Amino acid sequence: TRTDLACAILYEMQPVRFDEVEFSALSSRMCSAALAFANFLRWAVPSATTGFFAFLCRRSKREWAVAAAVVAYYCSVRYVHHILDAGPMVVIVSALIAILTVGLGDEGSNA
């Protein structure tokens, strides 16, 4: 049930009790975890970066322009939030403007 799930999540979020941690075995576990992570990176990074750069190269100029507009909007919201503490208000007003202008635009084919 949801109550059991909530209880389990809250139980797992409890702070770590250091009296229950075995520090003698911790260093060997950390070394083996670091080696496993290094092996994973040695395998995953080359294929992931190749695929990522291939994905980026297939994007059109219009898609890059949309991505740049989203990043510019994000930076402007962060700037306004930093200066005026009004970031959420900017997002809400932007959403309303988009809904009431672009979202409600009628085309001739809809008539």
N, C-alpha and C. Protein backbone atom coordinates (compact mmCIF):
# COMPACT_ATOMS: atom_id res chain seq x y z
N THR A 1 0.84 -1.18 0.00
CA THR A 1 0.00 0.00 0.00
C THR A 1 0.88 1.25 0.00
N ARG A 2 0.26 2.39 -0.16
CA ARG A 2 1.01 3.65 -0.19
C ARG A 2 1.63 3.96 1.16
N THR A 3 0.95 3.58 2.23
CA THR A 3 1.49 3.84 3.57
C THR A 3 2.77 3.04 3.78
N ASP A 4 2.77 1.78 3.35
CA ASP A 4 3.97 0.96 3.49
C ASP A 4 5.12 1.52 2.67
N LEU A 5 4.79 1.98 1.45
CA LEU A 5 5.83 2.55 0.61
C LEU A 5 6.40 3.82 1.23
N ALA A 6 5.52 4.67 1.77
CA ALA A 6 5.99 5.89 2.42
C ALA A 6 6.84 5.57 3.64
N CYS A 7 6.43 4.59 4.42
CA CYS A 7 7.22 4.19 5.59
C CYS A 7 8.59 3.66 5.18
N ALA A 8 8.64 2.88 4.10
CA ALA A 8 9.91 2.34 3.63
C ALA A 8 10.83 3.45 3.14
N ILE A 9 10.28 4.42 2.41
CA ILE A 9 11.10 5.54 1.93
C ILE A 9 11.61 6.37 3.08
N LEU A 10 10.76 6.67 4.05
CA LEU A 10 11.19 7.45 5.20
C LEU A 10 12.23 6.70 6.03
N TYR A 11 12.10 5.37 6.11
CA TYR A 11 13.09 4.58 6.85
C TYR A 11 14.45 4.67 6.16
N GLU A 12 14.45 4.61 4.81
CA GLU A 12 15.71 4.66 4.08
C GLU A 12 16.34 6.04 4.10
N MET A 13 15.57 7.06 4.37
CA MET A 13 16.09 8.43 4.39
C MET A 13 16.69 8.80 5.74
N GLN A 14 16.69 7.91 6.69
CA GLN A 14 17.26 8.20 7.99
C GLN A 14 18.75 8.44 7.86
N PRO A 15 19.31 9.26 8.72
CA PRO A 15 20.75 9.50 8.63
C PRO A 15 21.55 8.23 8.92
N VAL A 16 22.76 8.20 8.40
CA VAL A 16 23.64 7.05 8.59
C VAL A 16 24.12 7.03 10.04
N ARG A 17 24.05 5.88 10.63
CA ARG A 17 24.58 5.71 11.99
C ARG A 17 25.97 5.11 11.87
N PHE A 18 26.98 5.88 12.24
CA PHE A 18 28.35 5.44 12.02
C PHE A 18 28.78 4.35 12.99
N ASP A 19 28.03 4.12 14.05
CA ASP A 19 28.40 3.02 14.94
C ASP A 19 28.09 1.67 14.30
N GLU A 20 27.26 1.64 13.25
CA GLU A 20 26.92 0.39 12.59
C GLU A 20 27.78 0.13 11.35
N VAL A 21 28.63 1.08 10.96
CA VAL A 21 29.45 0.94 9.77
C VAL A 21 30.76 0.25 10.14
N GLU A 22 31.13 -0.76 9.34
CA GLU A 22 32.39 -1.46 9.56
C GLU A 22 33.47 -0.76 8.74
N PHE A 23 34.30 0.02 9.42
CA PHE A 23 35.32 0.78 8.71
C PHE A 23 36.47 -0.10 8.24
N SER A 24 36.66 -1.26 8.83
CA SER A 24 37.77 -2.12 8.42
C SER A 24 37.56 -2.66 7.00
N ALA A 25 36.32 -2.98 6.64
CA ALA A 25 36.04 -3.51 5.31
C ALA A 25 35.69 -2.41 4.32
N LEU A 26 35.57 -1.19 4.79
CA LEU A 26 35.13 -0.09 3.93
C LEU A 26 36.17 0.24 2.86
N SER A 27 37.45 0.23 3.21
CA SER A 27 38.47 0.61 2.24
C SER A 27 38.56 -0.40 1.10
N SER A 28 38.46 -1.69 1.41
CA SER A 28 38.51 -2.69 0.34
C SER A 28 37.29 -2.58 -0.56
N ARG A 29 36.11 -2.30 0.02
CA ARG A 29 34.91 -2.12 -0.79
C ARG A 29 35.02 -0.88 -1.66
N MET A 30 35.61 0.19 -1.11
CA MET A 30 35.77 1.41 -1.91
C MET A 30 36.72 1.19 -3.07
N CYS A 31 37.80 0.44 -2.85
CA CYS A 31 38.75 0.15 -3.93
C CYS A 31 38.09 -0.69 -5.02
N SER A 32 37.34 -1.69 -4.64
CA SER A 32 36.69 -2.53 -5.65
C SER A 32 35.61 -1.74 -6.39
N ALA A 33 34.91 -0.87 -5.69
CA ALA A 33 33.90 -0.04 -6.36
C ALA A 33 34.56 0.94 -7.32
N ALA A 34 35.69 1.51 -6.94
CA ALA A 34 36.40 2.44 -7.83
C ALA A 34 36.91 1.72 -9.07
N LEU A 35 37.42 0.51 -8.91
CA LEU A 35 37.88 -0.26 -10.08
C LEU A 35 36.71 -0.62 -10.99
N ALA A 36 35.60 -1.02 -10.42
CA ALA A 36 34.43 -1.34 -11.24
C ALA A 36 33.92 -0.11 -11.98
N PHE A 37 33.93 1.05 -11.31
CA PHE A 37 33.50 2.28 -11.97
C PHE A 37 34.47 2.67 -13.08
N ALA A 38 35.77 2.49 -12.87
CA ALA A 38 36.75 2.79 -13.91
C ALA A 38 36.56 1.88 -15.12
N ASN A 39 36.31 0.61 -14.88
CA ASN A 39 36.05 -0.31 -15.99
C ASN A 39 34.78 0.07 -16.74
N PHE A 40 33.75 0.48 -16.01
CA PHE A 40 32.52 0.91 -16.66
C PHE A 40 32.77 2.14 -17.53
N LEU A 41 33.52 3.11 -17.00
CA LEU A 41 33.80 4.32 -17.78
C LEU A 41 34.64 4.00 -19.01
N ARG A 42 35.59 3.09 -18.87
CA ARG A 42 36.43 2.71 -20.00
C ARG A 42 35.60 2.08 -21.12
N TRP A 43 34.51 1.40 -20.76
CA TRP A 43 33.65 0.78 -21.77
C TRP A 43 32.58 1.74 -22.26
N ALA A 44 31.96 2.50 -21.36
CA ALA A 44 30.77 3.28 -21.70
C ALA A 44 31.08 4.62 -22.34
N VAL A 45 32.11 5.29 -21.91
CA VAL A 45 32.35 6.66 -22.37
C VAL A 45 32.63 6.74 -23.87
N PRO A 46 33.48 5.91 -24.45
CA PRO A 46 33.73 6.05 -25.90
C PRO A 46 32.47 5.85 -26.74
N SER A 47 31.68 4.84 -26.44
CA SER A 47 30.49 4.61 -27.24
C SER A 47 29.44 5.69 -27.00
N ALA A 48 29.32 6.17 -25.76
CA ALA A 48 28.34 7.20 -25.46
C ALA A 48 28.72 8.52 -26.12
N THR A 49 30.00 8.90 -26.08
CA THR A 49 30.39 10.16 -26.70
C THR A 49 30.27 10.10 -28.21
N THR A 50 30.58 8.96 -28.82
CA THR A 50 30.41 8.82 -30.26
C THR A 50 28.96 8.98 -30.65
N GLY A 51 28.07 8.32 -29.92
CA GLY A 51 26.65 8.45 -30.21
C GLY A 51 26.13 9.85 -29.95
N PHE A 52 26.62 10.49 -28.91
CA PHE A 52 26.18 11.84 -28.57
C PHE A 52 26.60 12.83 -29.65
N PHE A 53 27.84 12.75 -30.11
CA PHE A 53 28.30 13.67 -31.15
C PHE A 53 27.60 13.39 -32.47
N ALA A 54 27.30 12.14 -32.77
CA ALA A 54 26.54 11.84 -33.98
C ALA A 54 25.14 12.44 -33.89
N PHE A 55 24.52 12.37 -32.71
CA PHE A 55 23.21 12.97 -32.51
C PHE A 55 23.28 14.48 -32.70
N LEU A 56 24.31 15.12 -32.14
CA LEU A 56 24.44 16.57 -32.28
C LEU A 56 24.67 17.00 -33.72
N CYS A 57 25.41 16.21 -34.47
CA CYS A 57 25.68 16.57 -35.86
C CYS A 57 24.45 16.45 -36.75
N ARG A 58 23.49 15.63 -36.36
CA ARG A 58 22.28 15.46 -37.17
C ARG A 58 21.23 16.54 -36.92
N ARG A 59 21.45 17.44 -35.97
CA ARG A 59 20.48 18.49 -35.67
C ARG A 59 20.53 19.58 -36.74
N SER A 60 19.36 20.12 -37.08
CA SER A 60 19.28 21.20 -38.06
C SER A 60 19.52 22.55 -37.39
N LYS A 61 19.63 23.60 -38.22
CA LYS A 61 19.85 24.94 -37.67
C LYS A 61 18.64 25.39 -36.87
N ARG A 62 17.47 25.01 -37.29
CA ARG A 62 16.26 25.40 -36.56
C ARG A 62 16.23 24.75 -35.18
N GLU A 63 16.61 23.47 -35.09
CA GLU A 63 16.65 22.80 -33.79
C GLU A 63 17.69 23.43 -32.88
N TRP A 64 18.84 23.82 -33.43
CA TRP A 64 19.84 24.52 -32.64
C TRP A 64 19.32 25.86 -32.16
N ALA A 65 18.55 26.56 -33.02
CA ALA A 65 17.98 27.85 -32.62
C ALA A 65 16.98 27.68 -31.48
N VAL A 66 16.17 26.64 -31.55
CA VAL A 66 15.21 26.37 -30.46
C VAL A 66 15.95 26.06 -29.18
N ALA A 67 16.99 25.25 -29.26
CA ALA A 67 17.78 24.92 -28.07
C ALA A 67 18.43 26.17 -27.49
N ALA A 68 18.94 27.05 -28.35
CA ALA A 68 19.55 28.30 -27.88
C ALA A 68 18.50 29.19 -27.22
N ALA A 69 17.29 29.23 -27.78
CA ALA A 69 16.22 30.03 -27.18
C ALA A 69 15.84 29.50 -25.80
N VAL A 70 15.78 28.19 -25.66
CA VAL A 70 15.44 27.60 -24.36
C VAL A 70 16.53 27.92 -23.33
N VAL A 71 17.79 27.82 -23.74
CA VAL A 71 18.89 28.14 -22.82
C VAL A 71 18.86 29.63 -22.46
N ALA A 72 18.59 30.50 -23.44
CA ALA A 72 18.51 31.94 -23.16
C ALA A 72 17.36 32.25 -22.21
N TYR A 73 16.22 31.58 -22.40
CA TYR A 73 15.08 31.78 -21.51
C TYR A 73 15.44 31.33 -20.09
N TYR A 74 16.08 30.18 -19.98
CA TYR A 74 16.50 29.67 -18.67
C TYR A 74 17.45 30.65 -17.98
N CYS A 75 18.42 31.17 -18.73
CA CYS A 75 19.37 32.13 -18.15
C CYS A 75 18.67 33.41 -17.73
N SER A 76 17.70 33.87 -18.53
CA SER A 76 16.99 35.10 -18.18
C SER A 76 16.13 34.89 -16.93
N VAL A 77 15.49 33.74 -16.80
CA VAL A 77 14.70 33.47 -15.60
C VAL A 77 15.60 33.42 -14.37
N ARG A 78 16.76 32.79 -14.50
CA ARG A 78 17.69 32.76 -13.37
C ARG A 78 18.18 34.16 -13.02
N TYR A 79 18.43 34.99 -14.03
CA TYR A 79 18.90 36.36 -13.78
C TYR A 79 17.81 37.17 -13.08
N VAL A 80 16.57 37.10 -13.59
CA VAL A 80 15.47 37.85 -12.97
C VAL A 80 15.22 37.34 -11.55
N HIS A 81 15.33 36.04 -11.36
CA HIS A 81 15.14 35.49 -10.01
C HIS A 81 16.24 35.99 -9.07
N HIS A 82 17.45 36.08 -9.58
CA HIS A 82 18.56 36.55 -8.75
C HIS A 82 18.39 38.03 -8.41
N ILE A 83 17.97 38.83 -9.37
CA ILE A 83 17.85 40.27 -9.16
C ILE A 83 16.59 40.63 -8.37
N LEU A 84 15.44 40.06 -8.76
CA LEU A 84 14.16 40.48 -8.18
C LEU A 84 13.48 39.43 -7.31
N ASP A 85 14.06 38.26 -7.20
CA ASP A 85 13.41 37.14 -6.51
C ASP A 85 12.02 36.87 -7.09
N ALA A 86 11.94 36.89 -8.42
CA ALA A 86 10.65 36.73 -9.09
C ALA A 86 10.70 35.63 -10.14
N GLY A 87 11.57 34.64 -9.98
CA GLY A 87 11.70 33.57 -10.98
C GLY A 87 10.42 32.81 -11.25
N PRO A 88 9.74 32.31 -10.21
CA PRO A 88 8.49 31.57 -10.47
C PRO A 88 7.43 32.43 -11.15
N MET A 89 7.37 33.71 -10.81
CA MET A 89 6.40 34.59 -11.45
C MET A 89 6.71 34.74 -12.93
N VAL A 90 7.99 34.82 -13.29
CA VAL A 90 8.37 34.94 -14.69
C VAL A 90 7.96 33.68 -15.45
N VAL A 91 8.15 32.52 -14.86
CA VAL A 91 7.77 31.27 -15.51
C VAL A 91 6.26 31.21 -15.69
N ILE A 92 5.49 31.60 -14.69
CA ILE A 92 4.03 31.56 -14.78
C ILE A 92 3.53 32.53 -15.84
N VAL A 93 4.05 33.75 -15.84
CA VAL A 93 3.63 34.74 -16.84
C VAL A 93 4.03 34.28 -18.24
N SER A 94 5.21 33.70 -18.39
CA SER A 94 5.63 33.19 -19.70
C SER A 94 4.71 32.09 -20.18
N ALA A 95 4.33 31.18 -19.28
CA ALA A 95 3.42 30.10 -19.66
C ALA A 95 2.06 30.65 -20.08
N LEU A 96 1.56 31.63 -19.34
CA LEU A 96 0.27 32.24 -19.72
C LEU A 96 0.35 32.95 -21.06
N ILE A 97 1.44 33.66 -21.31
CA ILE A 97 1.60 34.33 -22.61
C ILE A 97 1.65 33.31 -23.73
N ALA A 98 2.39 32.21 -23.53
CA ALA A 98 2.48 31.19 -24.57
C ALA A 98 1.13 30.53 -24.81
N ILE A 99 0.37 30.27 -23.76
CA ILE A 99 -0.93 29.63 -23.92
C ILE A 99 -1.92 30.57 -24.62
N LEU A 100 -1.93 31.83 -24.20
CA LEU A 100 -2.93 32.75 -24.73
C LEU A 100 -2.57 33.34 -26.08
N THR A 101 -1.34 33.20 -26.55
CA THR A 101 -0.98 33.73 -27.87
C THR A 101 -0.75 32.59 -28.85
N VAL A 102 0.32 31.87 -28.68
CA VAL A 102 0.67 30.81 -29.61
C VAL A 102 -0.29 29.64 -29.49
N GLY A 103 -0.65 29.29 -28.27
CA GLY A 103 -1.51 28.13 -28.06
C GLY A 103 -2.92 28.28 -28.58
N LEU A 104 -3.43 29.49 -28.63
CA LEU A 104 -4.79 29.72 -29.11
C LEU A 104 -4.84 30.25 -30.53
N GLY A 105 -3.71 30.26 -31.22
CA GLY A 105 -3.70 30.76 -32.59
C GLY A 105 -4.53 29.87 -33.51
N ASP A 106 -5.41 30.52 -34.28
CA ASP A 106 -6.25 29.77 -35.22
C ASP A 106 -5.63 29.81 -36.60
N GLU A 107 -5.69 28.69 -37.25
CA GLU A 107 -5.24 28.62 -38.63
C GLU A 107 -6.44 28.54 -39.52
N GLY A 108 -6.27 28.86 -40.78
CA GLY A 108 -7.38 28.84 -41.72
C GLY A 108 -7.93 27.44 -41.94
N SER A 109 -7.12 26.40 -41.71
CA SER A 109 -7.58 25.03 -41.95
C SER A 109 -8.53 24.54 -40.87
N ASN A 110 -8.58 25.22 -39.73
CA ASN A 110 -9.43 24.79 -38.63
C ASN A 110 -10.86 25.30 -38.77
N ALA A 111 -11.09 26.26 -39.64
CA ALA A 111 -12.42 26.87 -39.75
C ALA A 111 -13.40 26.00 -40.50
